[in-house]
Amino acid sequence: MTSTEATGATAACPHCGWPDAGEPFRVLSRHTTATGHTEWTRCGCGSLQVRVADGRGTRVVSRGGPAPGAVPSRTDTASRCRG
């Protein structure tokens, strides 16, 4: 997992370019925290992301890359994500 400095509407997945604020992404788990919640999500390209939602909004705070040779679970998402 790598840390990410970019936040807000202009941030995007470095692997496919899909905006962090855009759909689709799949929520894998959500955990309540003292200030909001933390979500583990998967981008349409397959990269794993950690999102924090609190009083400052929702932002990706860490992300990994897609598995080599991984096939996204939704091919329509993959074509839009990579296109």
N, C-alpha and C. Protein backbone atom coordinates (compact mmCIF):
# COMPACT_ATOMS: atom_id res chain seq x y z
N MET A 1 0.84 -1.18 0.00
CA MET A 1 0.00 0.00 0.00
C MET A 1 0.88 1.24 0.00
N THR A 2 0.57 2.17 -0.82
CA THR A 2 1.32 3.42 -0.82
C THR A 2 0.44 4.55 -0.33
N SER A 3 1.06 5.52 0.28
CA SER A 3 0.33 6.69 0.75
C SER A 3 0.06 7.60 -0.43
N THR A 4 -0.98 8.41 -0.32
CA THR A 4 -1.29 9.36 -1.38
C THR A 4 -1.46 10.74 -0.77
N GLU A 5 -0.92 11.73 -1.43
CA GLU A 5 -1.02 13.10 -0.94
C GLU A 5 -2.20 13.83 -1.56
N ALA A 6 -2.61 13.45 -2.76
CA ALA A 6 -3.69 14.15 -3.45
C ALA A 6 -5.02 13.89 -2.78
N THR A 7 -5.81 14.93 -2.63
CA THR A 7 -7.14 14.79 -2.06
C THR A 7 -8.12 15.62 -2.87
N GLY A 8 -9.40 15.40 -2.64
CA GLY A 8 -10.42 16.21 -3.28
C GLY A 8 -10.81 15.70 -4.65
N ALA A 9 -11.58 16.53 -5.35
CA ALA A 9 -12.16 16.13 -6.63
C ALA A 9 -11.11 15.94 -7.72
N THR A 10 -9.93 16.54 -7.59
CA THR A 10 -8.92 16.43 -8.64
C THR A 10 -8.05 15.19 -8.48
N ALA A 11 -8.14 14.51 -7.34
CA ALA A 11 -7.33 13.31 -7.13
C ALA A 11 -7.86 12.18 -8.02
N ALA A 12 -6.93 11.34 -8.47
CA ALA A 12 -7.32 10.25 -9.35
C ALA A 12 -6.44 9.03 -9.10
N CYS A 13 -6.95 7.87 -9.48
CA CYS A 13 -6.19 6.63 -9.37
C CYS A 13 -4.96 6.73 -10.28
N PRO A 14 -3.76 6.51 -9.75
CA PRO A 14 -2.57 6.59 -10.60
C PRO A 14 -2.45 5.42 -11.56
N HIS A 15 -3.24 4.38 -11.36
CA HIS A 15 -3.15 3.19 -12.21
C HIS A 15 -4.07 3.27 -13.42
N CYS A 16 -5.22 3.96 -13.27
CA CYS A 16 -6.16 4.01 -14.39
C CYS A 16 -6.66 5.42 -14.67
N GLY A 17 -6.42 6.36 -13.76
CA GLY A 17 -6.83 7.74 -13.99
C GLY A 17 -8.26 8.07 -13.59
N TRP A 18 -8.98 7.08 -13.07
CA TRP A 18 -10.36 7.33 -12.67
C TRP A 18 -10.38 8.25 -11.45
N PRO A 19 -11.25 9.29 -11.44
CA PRO A 19 -11.28 10.22 -10.29
C PRO A 19 -11.65 9.51 -8.99
N ASP A 20 -10.97 9.86 -7.90
CA ASP A 20 -11.27 9.25 -6.61
C ASP A 20 -12.70 9.52 -6.17
N ALA A 21 -13.24 10.68 -6.51
CA ALA A 21 -14.60 11.03 -6.11
C ALA A 21 -15.66 10.39 -7.01
N GLY A 22 -15.24 9.81 -8.14
CA GLY A 22 -16.18 9.24 -9.09
C GLY A 22 -16.54 7.80 -8.77
N GLU A 23 -17.66 7.40 -9.26
CA GLU A 23 -18.06 6.00 -9.20
C GLU A 23 -17.54 5.37 -10.48
N PRO A 24 -17.34 4.13 -10.60
CA PRO A 24 -17.65 3.13 -9.60
C PRO A 24 -16.43 2.76 -8.77
N PHE A 25 -16.67 2.46 -7.56
CA PHE A 25 -15.71 1.76 -6.73
C PHE A 25 -16.53 0.85 -5.83
N ARG A 26 -15.96 -0.24 -5.41
CA ARG A 26 -16.69 -1.22 -4.60
C ARG A 26 -16.22 -1.12 -3.16
N VAL A 27 -17.15 -0.93 -2.24
CA VAL A 27 -16.82 -0.89 -0.82
C VAL A 27 -16.67 -2.33 -0.34
N LEU A 28 -15.49 -2.66 0.18
CA LEU A 28 -15.22 -3.99 0.70
C LEU A 28 -15.57 -4.10 2.18
N SER A 29 -15.28 -3.03 2.94
CA SER A 29 -15.65 -3.00 4.35
C SER A 29 -15.68 -1.56 4.83
N ARG A 30 -16.47 -1.32 5.87
CA ARG A 30 -16.60 0.01 6.46
C ARG A 30 -16.48 -0.13 7.97
N HIS A 31 -15.67 0.73 8.57
CA HIS A 31 -15.41 0.65 10.01
C HIS A 31 -15.61 2.02 10.64
N THR A 32 -16.44 2.08 11.67
CA THR A 32 -16.71 3.33 12.37
C THR A 32 -15.49 3.74 13.19
N THR A 33 -15.19 5.04 13.15
CA THR A 33 -14.11 5.60 13.96
C THR A 33 -14.70 6.71 14.83
N ALA A 34 -13.89 7.29 15.68
CA ALA A 34 -14.35 8.36 16.57
C ALA A 34 -14.79 9.60 15.80
N THR A 35 -14.24 9.80 14.60
CA THR A 35 -14.55 11.01 13.83
C THR A 35 -15.36 10.75 12.57
N GLY A 36 -15.71 9.53 12.27
CA GLY A 36 -16.44 9.20 11.04
C GLY A 36 -16.34 7.72 10.74
N HIS A 37 -15.77 7.39 9.59
CA HIS A 37 -15.53 5.98 9.27
C HIS A 37 -14.39 5.83 8.28
N THR A 38 -13.87 4.61 8.24
CA THR A 38 -12.83 4.21 7.30
C THR A 38 -13.41 3.15 6.39
N GLU A 39 -13.16 3.27 5.09
CA GLU A 39 -13.64 2.30 4.12
C GLU A 39 -12.45 1.68 3.38
N TRP A 40 -12.51 0.38 3.19
CA TRP A 40 -11.59 -0.31 2.28
C TRP A 40 -12.39 -0.49 1.01
N THR A 41 -11.87 0.05 -0.10
CA THR A 41 -12.59 -0.01 -1.37
C THR A 41 -11.69 -0.57 -2.46
N ARG A 42 -12.31 -0.93 -3.57
CA ARG A 42 -11.56 -1.40 -4.74
C ARG A 42 -12.00 -0.57 -5.94
N CYS A 43 -11.03 0.06 -6.60
CA CYS A 43 -11.28 0.84 -7.81
C CYS A 43 -11.73 -0.10 -8.94
N GLY A 44 -12.30 0.45 -9.97
CA GLY A 44 -12.70 -0.36 -11.12
C GLY A 44 -11.54 -1.10 -11.77
N CYS A 45 -10.31 -0.58 -11.63
CA CYS A 45 -9.14 -1.24 -12.20
C CYS A 45 -8.60 -2.34 -11.29
N GLY A 46 -9.14 -2.43 -10.08
CA GLY A 46 -8.71 -3.48 -9.16
C GLY A 46 -7.81 -3.02 -8.03
N SER A 47 -7.35 -1.77 -8.05
CA SER A 47 -6.46 -1.32 -6.97
C SER A 47 -7.24 -1.16 -5.66
N LEU A 48 -6.61 -1.56 -4.58
CA LEU A 48 -7.19 -1.46 -3.25
C LEU A 48 -6.94 -0.07 -2.71
N GLN A 49 -7.96 0.53 -2.07
CA GLN A 49 -7.86 1.88 -1.55
C GLN A 49 -8.39 1.92 -0.12
N VAL A 50 -7.82 2.81 0.69
CA VAL A 50 -8.35 3.09 2.02
C VAL A 50 -8.87 4.52 1.99
N ARG A 51 -10.16 4.67 2.28
CA ARG A 51 -10.79 5.99 2.29
C ARG A 51 -11.19 6.34 3.71
N VAL A 52 -10.99 7.61 4.08
CA VAL A 52 -11.39 8.11 5.38
C VAL A 52 -12.51 9.13 5.13
N ALA A 53 -13.61 8.97 5.85
CA ALA A 53 -14.72 9.93 5.78
C ALA A 53 -14.89 10.52 7.17
N ASP A 54 -14.76 11.85 7.24
CA ASP A 54 -14.89 12.55 8.51
C ASP A 54 -15.44 13.94 8.25
N GLY A 55 -15.28 14.84 9.18
CA GLY A 55 -15.78 16.19 9.03
C GLY A 55 -15.16 16.96 7.88
N ARG A 56 -14.02 16.51 7.38
CA ARG A 56 -13.35 17.17 6.24
C ARG A 56 -13.77 16.59 4.91
N GLY A 57 -14.62 15.58 4.91
CA GLY A 57 -15.05 14.94 3.67
C GLY A 57 -14.49 13.53 3.55
N THR A 58 -14.56 12.98 2.35
CA THR A 58 -14.04 11.64 2.09
C THR A 58 -12.82 11.77 1.19
N ARG A 59 -11.77 11.04 1.54
CA ARG A 59 -10.55 11.09 0.75
C ARG A 59 -9.82 9.75 0.80
N VAL A 60 -9.09 9.45 -0.26
CA VAL A 60 -8.25 8.26 -0.31
C VAL A 60 -6.96 8.60 0.42
N VAL A 61 -6.63 7.82 1.44
CA VAL A 61 -5.41 8.09 2.21
C VAL A 61 -4.30 7.09 1.91
N SER A 62 -4.64 5.96 1.29
CA SER A 62 -3.64 4.96 0.94
C SER A 62 -4.20 4.10 -0.18
N ARG A 63 -3.32 3.60 -1.04
CA ARG A 63 -3.78 2.73 -2.13
C ARG A 63 -2.68 1.80 -2.58
N GLY A 64 -3.09 0.68 -3.09
CA GLY A 64 -2.18 -0.29 -3.68
C GLY A 64 -2.46 -0.36 -5.17
N GLY A 65 -1.73 -1.20 -5.86
CA GLY A 65 -1.94 -1.36 -7.29
C GLY A 65 -2.79 -2.58 -7.58
N PRO A 66 -3.33 -2.66 -8.77
CA PRO A 66 -4.06 -3.86 -9.16
C PRO A 66 -3.11 -5.05 -9.22
N ALA A 67 -3.63 -6.21 -8.93
CA ALA A 67 -2.81 -7.43 -9.01
C ALA A 67 -2.39 -7.65 -10.46
N PRO A 68 -1.15 -8.07 -10.68
CA PRO A 68 -0.70 -8.34 -12.06
C PRO A 68 -1.60 -9.37 -12.73
N GLY A 69 -2.10 -9.01 -13.89
CA GLY A 69 -2.96 -9.92 -14.63
C GLY A 69 -4.36 -10.06 -14.08
N ALA A 70 -4.71 -9.25 -13.09
CA ALA A 70 -6.05 -9.34 -12.50
C ALA A 70 -7.09 -8.86 -13.49
N VAL A 71 -8.22 -9.52 -13.47
CA VAL A 71 -9.34 -9.14 -14.31
C VAL A 71 -10.38 -8.48 -13.41
N PRO A 72 -10.75 -7.21 -13.66
CA PRO A 72 -11.76 -6.57 -12.84
C PRO A 72 -13.06 -7.36 -12.84
N SER A 73 -13.81 -7.25 -11.75
CA SER A 73 -15.04 -8.03 -11.62
C SER A 73 -16.13 -7.56 -12.56
N ARG A 74 -16.05 -6.32 -13.04
CA ARG A 74 -17.05 -5.79 -13.95
C ARG A 74 -16.34 -5.26 -15.18
N THR A 75 -16.45 -5.93 -16.30
CA THR A 75 -15.71 -5.53 -17.49
C THR A 75 -16.16 -4.18 -18.01
N ASP A 76 -17.45 -3.82 -17.81
CA ASP A 76 -17.89 -2.51 -18.27
C ASP A 76 -17.17 -1.42 -17.47
N THR A 77 -16.92 -1.63 -16.21
CA THR A 77 -16.19 -0.69 -15.38
C THR A 77 -14.74 -0.60 -15.86
N ALA A 78 -14.14 -1.71 -16.16
CA ALA A 78 -12.73 -1.71 -16.58
C ALA A 78 -12.55 -0.93 -17.88
N SER A 79 -13.45 -1.08 -18.82
CA SER A 79 -13.29 -0.38 -20.08
C SER A 79 -13.46 1.12 -19.89
N ARG A 80 -14.37 1.55 -19.04
CA ARG A 80 -14.53 2.98 -18.78
C ARG A 80 -13.35 3.50 -17.98
N CYS A 81 -12.82 2.69 -17.07
CA CYS A 81 -11.73 3.12 -16.20
C CYS A 81 -10.44 3.29 -16.99
N ARG A 82 -10.20 2.41 -17.94
CA ARG A 82 -8.94 2.45 -18.70
C ARG A 82 -9.04 3.28 -19.95
N GLY A 83 -10.25 3.58 -20.39
CA GLY A 83 -10.46 4.24 -21.67
C GLY A 83 -10.11 5.64 -21.64
